[in-house]
Amino acid sequence: MCDVKKYENIYNEIEHLQPEDTLQLVLEAETEDQRSFYEMVGDFLLQKSQRQVIERNLF
């Protein structure tokens, strides 16, 4: 069984990443798998921001 609290903490840290942070992670990734993961994280955060903008009718 996994440590759920541990992954909740990781999620909370990831939520606070800025676009330039995810770009740095992508550029400095050691493997293609890491690079792909960080790109997905960046995409997730961008989509979340886009949803918030649309919900607030700021678009």
PDB file of N, CA and C in Angstrom:
ATOM      1  N   MET A   1       0.845  -1.176   0.000  1.00  0.00           N
ATOM      2  CA  MET A   1       0.000   0.000   0.000  1.00  0.00           C
ATOM      3  C   MET A   1       0.893   1.243   0.000  1.00  0.00           C
ATOM      4  N   CYS A   2       0.528   2.246  -0.775  1.00  0.00           N
ATOM      5  CA  CYS A   2       1.354   3.443  -0.889  1.00  0.00           C
ATOM      6  C   CYS A   2       1.039   4.437   0.219  1.00  0.00           C
ATOM      7  N   ASP A   3       1.974   5.329   0.419  1.00  0.00           N
ATOM      8  CA  ASP A   3       1.831   6.386   1.426  1.00  0.00           C
ATOM      9  C   ASP A   3       1.074   7.550   0.779  1.00  0.00           C
ATOM     10  N   VAL A   4      -0.231   7.584   0.960  1.00  0.00           N
ATOM     11  CA  VAL A   4      -1.091   8.570   0.302  1.00  0.00           C
ATOM     12  C   VAL A   4      -0.687   9.989   0.691  1.00  0.00           C
ATOM     13  N   LYS A   5      -0.394  10.211   1.955  1.00  0.00           N
ATOM     14  CA  LYS A   5      -0.018  11.551   2.423  1.00  0.00           C
ATOM     15  C   LYS A   5       1.225  12.053   1.686  1.00  0.00           C
ATOM     16  N   LYS A   6       2.168  11.163   1.456  1.00  0.00           N
ATOM     17  CA  LYS A   6       3.400  11.511   0.736  1.00  0.00           C
ATOM     18  C   LYS A   6       3.062  12.056  -0.661  1.00  0.00           C
ATOM     19  N   TYR A   7       2.156  11.378  -1.360  1.00  0.00           N
ATOM     20  CA  TYR A   7       1.808  11.799  -2.716  1.00  0.00           C
ATOM     21  C   TYR A   7       0.918  13.033  -2.724  1.00  0.00           C
ATOM     22  N   GLU A   8       0.123  13.212  -1.695  1.00  0.00           N
ATOM     23  CA  GLU A   8      -0.638  14.455  -1.566  1.00  0.00           C
ATOM     24  C   GLU A   8       0.313  15.636  -1.410  1.00  0.00           C
ATOM     25  N   ASN A   9       1.361  15.450  -0.638  1.00  0.00           N
ATOM     26  CA  ASN A   9       2.363  16.512  -0.459  1.00  0.00           C
ATOM     27  C   ASN A   9       3.073  16.816  -1.776  1.00  0.00           C
ATOM     28  N   ILE A  10       3.396  15.785  -2.526  1.00  0.00           N
ATOM     29  CA  ILE A  10       4.038  15.982  -3.832  1.00  0.00           C
ATOM     30  C   ILE A  10       3.098  16.746  -4.763  1.00  0.00           C
ATOM     31  N   TYR A  11       1.832  16.349  -4.789  1.00  0.00           N
ATOM     32  CA  TYR A  11       0.838  17.030  -5.625  1.00  0.00           C
ATOM     33  C   TYR A  11       0.744  18.506  -5.245  1.00  0.00           C
ATOM     34  N   ASN A  12       0.697  18.788  -3.955  1.00  0.00           N
ATOM     35  CA  ASN A  12       0.606  20.177  -3.500  1.00  0.00           C
ATOM     36  C   ASN A  12       1.827  20.982  -3.920  1.00  0.00           C
ATOM     37  N   GLU A  13       2.992  20.376  -3.894  1.00  0.00           N
ATOM     38  CA  GLU A  13       4.195  21.078  -4.361  1.00  0.00           C
ATOM     39  C   GLU A  13       4.129  21.333  -5.859  1.00  0.00           C
ATOM     40  N   ILE A  14       3.705  20.340  -6.611  1.00  0.00           N
ATOM     41  CA  ILE A  14       3.620  20.469  -8.066  1.00  0.00           C
ATOM     42  C   ILE A  14       2.623  21.556  -8.452  1.00  0.00           C
ATOM     43  N   GLU A  15       1.513  21.657  -7.710  1.00  0.00           N
ATOM     44  CA  GLU A  15       0.497  22.667  -8.005  1.00  0.00           C
ATOM     45  C   GLU A  15       1.043  24.087  -7.970  1.00  0.00           C
ATOM     46  N   HIS A  16       2.097  24.308  -7.228  1.00  0.00           N
ATOM     47  CA  HIS A  16       2.651  25.658  -7.075  1.00  0.00           C
ATOM     48  C   HIS A  16       3.786  25.965  -8.051  1.00  0.00           C
ATOM     49  N   LEU A  17       4.069  25.033  -8.955  1.00  0.00           N
ATOM     50  CA  LEU A  17       5.107  25.286  -9.952  1.00  0.00           C
ATOM     51  C   LEU A  17       4.650  26.367 -10.922  1.00  0.00           C
ATOM     52  N   GLN A  18       5.571  27.201 -11.310  1.00  0.00           N
ATOM     53  CA  GLN A  18       5.332  28.231 -12.322  1.00  0.00           C
ATOM     54  C   GLN A  18       5.751  27.672 -13.689  1.00  0.00           C
ATOM     55  N   PRO A  19       5.251  28.248 -14.783  1.00  0.00           N
ATOM     56  CA  PRO A  19       5.630  27.754 -16.110  1.00  0.00           C
ATOM     57  C   PRO A  19       7.142  27.697 -16.321  1.00  0.00           C
ATOM     58  N   GLU A  20       7.856  28.686 -15.808  1.00  0.00           N
ATOM     59  CA  GLU A  20       9.316  28.653 -15.983  1.00  0.00           C
ATOM     60  C   GLU A  20       9.957  27.520 -15.174  1.00  0.00           C
ATOM     61  N   ASP A  21       9.310  27.111 -14.093  1.00  0.00           N
ATOM     62  CA  ASP A  21       9.816  25.978 -13.316  1.00  0.00           C
ATOM     63  C   ASP A  21       9.685  24.682 -14.100  1.00  0.00           C
ATOM     64  N   THR A  22       8.516  24.478 -14.713  1.00  0.00           N
ATOM     65  CA  THR A  22       8.340  23.245 -15.486  1.00  0.00           C
ATOM     66  C   THR A  22       9.251  23.241 -16.713  1.00  0.00           C
ATOM     67  N   LEU A  23       9.470  24.404 -17.312  1.00  0.00           N
ATOM     68  CA  LEU A  23      10.400  24.481 -18.439  1.00  0.00           C
ATOM     69  C   LEU A  23      11.807  24.082 -17.997  1.00  0.00           C
ATOM     70  N   GLN A  24      12.233  24.567 -16.852  1.00  0.00           N
ATOM     71  CA  GLN A  24      13.551  24.206 -16.333  1.00  0.00           C
ATOM     72  C   GLN A  24      13.644  22.698 -16.087  1.00  0.00           C
ATOM     73  N   LEU A  25      12.584  22.127 -15.527  1.00  0.00           N
ATOM     74  CA  LEU A  25      12.576  20.681 -15.287  1.00  0.00           C
ATOM     75  C   LEU A  25      12.696  19.917 -16.604  1.00  0.00           C
ATOM     76  N   VAL A  26      11.967  20.352 -17.616  1.00  0.00           N
ATOM     77  CA  VAL A  26      12.032  19.702 -18.927  1.00  0.00           C
ATOM     78  C   VAL A  26      13.443  19.801 -19.506  1.00  0.00           C
ATOM     79  N   LEU A  27      14.010  20.992 -19.456  1.00  0.00           N
ATOM     80  CA  LEU A  27      15.336  21.214 -20.052  1.00  0.00           C
ATOM     81  C   LEU A  27      16.440  20.453 -19.320  1.00  0.00           C
ATOM     82  N   GLU A  28      16.269  20.239 -18.029  1.00  0.00           N
ATOM     83  CA  GLU A  28      17.317  19.589 -17.245  1.00  0.00           C
ATOM     84  C   GLU A  28      17.029  18.116 -16.951  1.00  0.00           C
ATOM     85  N   ALA A  29      15.974  17.571 -17.542  1.00  0.00           N
ATOM     86  CA  ALA A  29      15.636  16.164 -17.328  1.00  0.00           C
ATOM     87  C   ALA A  29      16.767  15.279 -17.835  1.00  0.00           C
ATOM     88  N   GLU A  30      17.035  14.242 -17.078  1.00  0.00           N
ATOM     89  CA  GLU A  30      18.137  13.342 -17.437  1.00  0.00           C
ATOM     90  C   GLU A  30      17.727  12.266 -18.431  1.00  0.00           C
ATOM     91  N   THR A  31      16.434  11.936 -18.458  1.00  0.00           N
ATOM     92  CA  THR A  31      15.968  10.897 -19.372  1.00  0.00           C
ATOM     93  C   THR A  31      14.771  11.399 -20.165  1.00  0.00           C
ATOM     94  N   GLU A  32      14.472  10.702 -21.234  1.00  0.00           N
ATOM     95  CA  GLU A  32      13.307  11.045 -22.051  1.00  0.00           C
ATOM     96  C   GLU A  32      12.017  10.836 -21.254  1.00  0.00           C
ATOM     97  N   ASP A  33      11.980   9.802 -20.412  1.00  0.00           N
ATOM     98  CA  ASP A  33      10.798   9.566 -19.577  1.00  0.00           C
ATOM     99  C   ASP A  33      10.567  10.720 -18.609  1.00  0.00           C
ATOM    100  N   GLN A  34      11.612  11.209 -17.996  1.00  0.00           N
ATOM    101  CA  GLN A  34      11.486  12.353 -17.094  1.00  0.00           C
ATOM    102  C   GLN A  34      11.005  13.575 -17.856  1.00  0.00           C
ATOM    103  N   ARG A  35      11.594  13.810 -19.007  1.00  0.00           N
ATOM    104  CA  ARG A  35      11.216  14.960 -19.833  1.00  0.00           C
ATOM    105  C   ARG A  35       9.734  14.880 -20.188  1.00  0.00           C
ATOM    106  N   SER A  36       9.283  13.708 -20.586  1.00  0.00           N
ATOM    107  CA  SER A  36       7.884  13.509 -20.942  1.00  0.00           C
ATOM    108  C   SER A  36       6.979  13.751 -19.732  1.00  0.00           C
ATOM    109  N   PHE A  37       7.380  13.270 -18.579  1.00  0.00           N
ATOM    110  CA  PHE A  37       6.601  13.465 -17.356  1.00  0.00           C
ATOM    111  C   PHE A  37       6.473  14.949 -17.032  1.00  0.00           C
ATOM    112  N   TYR A  38       7.586  15.678 -17.079  1.00  0.00           N
ATOM    113  CA  TYR A  38       7.547  17.106 -16.754  1.00  0.00           C
ATOM    114  C   TYR A  38       6.732  17.889 -17.779  1.00  0.00           C
ATOM    115  N   GLU A  39       6.776  17.462 -19.029  1.00  0.00           N
ATOM    116  CA  GLU A  39       5.941  18.101 -20.047  1.00  0.00           C
ATOM    117  C   GLU A  39       4.468  17.884 -19.741  1.00  0.00           C
ATOM    118  N   MET A  40       4.110  16.668 -19.302  1.00  0.00           N
ATOM    119  CA  MET A  40       2.720  16.393 -18.942  1.00  0.00           C
ATOM    120  C   MET A  40       2.290  17.214 -17.729  1.00  0.00           C
ATOM    121  N   VAL A  41       3.183  17.374 -16.771  1.00  0.00           N
ATOM    122  CA  VAL A  41       2.888  18.203 -15.601  1.00  0.00           C
ATOM    123  C   VAL A  41       2.633  19.640 -16.047  1.00  0.00           C
ATOM    124  N   GLY A  42       3.496  20.157 -16.909  1.00  0.00           N
ATOM    125  CA  GLY A  42       3.320  21.515 -17.420  1.00  0.00           C
ATOM    126  C   GLY A  42       2.007  21.673 -18.168  1.00  0.00           C
ATOM    127  N   ASP A  43       1.668  20.681 -18.983  1.00  0.00           N
ATOM    128  CA  ASP A  43       0.401  20.715 -19.723  1.00  0.00           C
ATOM    129  C   ASP A  43      -0.787  20.698 -18.763  1.00  0.00           C
ATOM    130  N   PHE A  44      -0.713  19.862 -17.740  1.00  0.00           N
ATOM    131  CA  PHE A  44      -1.781  19.782 -16.739  1.00  0.00           C
ATOM    132  C   PHE A  44      -1.988  21.131 -16.061  1.00  0.00           C
ATOM    133  N   LEU A  45      -0.892  21.759 -15.653  1.00  0.00           N
ATOM    134  CA  LEU A  45      -0.994  23.049 -14.964  1.00  0.00           C
ATOM    135  C   LEU A  45      -1.536  24.135 -15.892  1.00  0.00           C
ATOM    136  N   LEU A  46      -1.120  24.112 -17.157  1.00  0.00           N
ATOM    137  CA  LEU A  46      -1.631  25.067 -18.133  1.00  0.00           C
ATOM    138  C   LEU A  46      -3.132  24.876 -18.343  1.00  0.00           C
ATOM    139  N   GLN A  47      -3.558  23.635 -18.495  1.00  0.00           N
ATOM    140  CA  GLN A  47      -4.979  23.358 -18.686  1.00  0.00           C
ATOM    141  C   GLN A  47      -5.789  23.799 -17.468  1.00  0.00           C
ATOM    142  N   LYS A  48      -5.253  23.595 -16.291  1.00  0.00           N
ATOM    143  CA  LYS A  48      -5.938  24.016 -15.069  1.00  0.00           C
ATOM    144  C   LYS A  48      -6.108  25.534 -15.057  1.00  0.00           C
ATOM    145  N   SER A  49      -5.057  26.256 -15.429  1.00  0.00           N
ATOM    146  CA  SER A  49      -5.130  27.714 -15.497  1.00  0.00           C
ATOM    147  C   SER A  49      -6.134  28.164 -16.553  1.00  0.00           C
ATOM    148  N   GLN A  50      -6.142  27.493 -17.693  1.00  0.00           N
ATOM    149  CA  GLN A  50      -7.072  27.834 -18.760  1.00  0.00           C
ATOM    150  C   GLN A  50      -8.520  27.640 -18.315  1.00  0.00           C
ATOM    151  N   ARG A  51      -8.789  26.542 -17.598  1.00  0.00           N
ATOM    152  CA  ARG A  51     -10.144  26.307 -17.087  1.00  0.00           C
ATOM    153  C   ARG A  51     -10.571  27.424 -16.139  1.00  0.00           C
ATOM    154  N   GLN A  52      -9.661  27.861 -15.284  1.00  0.00           N
ATOM    155  CA  GLN A  52      -9.983  28.923 -14.331  1.00  0.00           C
ATOM    156  C   GLN A  52     -10.295  30.233 -15.049  1.00  0.00           C
ATOM    157  N   VAL A  53      -9.533  30.544 -16.083  1.00  0.00           N
ATOM    158  CA  VAL A  53      -9.769  31.764 -16.851  1.00  0.00           C
ATOM    159  C   VAL A  53     -11.136  31.703 -17.528  1.00  0.00           C
ATOM    160  N   ILE A  54     -11.464  30.564 -18.105  1.00  0.00           N
ATOM    161  CA  ILE A  54     -12.755  30.401 -18.785  1.00  0.00           C
ATOM    162  C   ILE A  54     -13.896  30.483 -17.780  1.00  0.00           C
ATOM    163  N   GLU A  55     -13.738  29.845 -16.622  1.00  0.00           N
ATOM    164  CA  GLU A  55     -14.789  29.876 -15.599  1.00  0.00           C
ATOM    165  C   GLU A  55     -15.054  31.290 -15.095  1.00  0.00           C
ATOM    166  N   ARG A  56     -14.045  32.100 -15.067  1.00  0.00           N
ATOM    167  CA  ARG A  56     -14.183  33.472 -14.574  1.00  0.00           C
ATOM    168  C   ARG A  56     -14.586  34.443 -15.683  1.00  0.00           C
ATOM    169  N   ASN A  57     -14.817  33.912 -16.878  1.00  0.00           N
ATOM    170  CA  ASN A  57     -15.173  34.726 -18.044  1.00  0.00           C
ATOM    171  C   ASN A  57     -14.123  35.795 -18.339  1.00  0.00           C
ATOM    172  N   LEU A  58     -12.871  35.452 -18.124  1.00  0.00           N
ATOM    173  CA  LEU A  58     -11.783  36.382 -18.419  1.00  0.00           C
ATOM    174  C   LEU A  58     -11.263  36.198 -19.838  1.00  0.00           C
ATOM    175  N   PHE A  59     -11.786  35.225 -20.528  1.00  0.00           N
ATOM    176  CA  PHE A  59     -11.351  34.925 -21.884  1.00  0.00           C
ATOM    177  C   PHE A  59     -12.134  35.726 -22.882  1.00  0.00           C
TER     178      PHE A  59
END
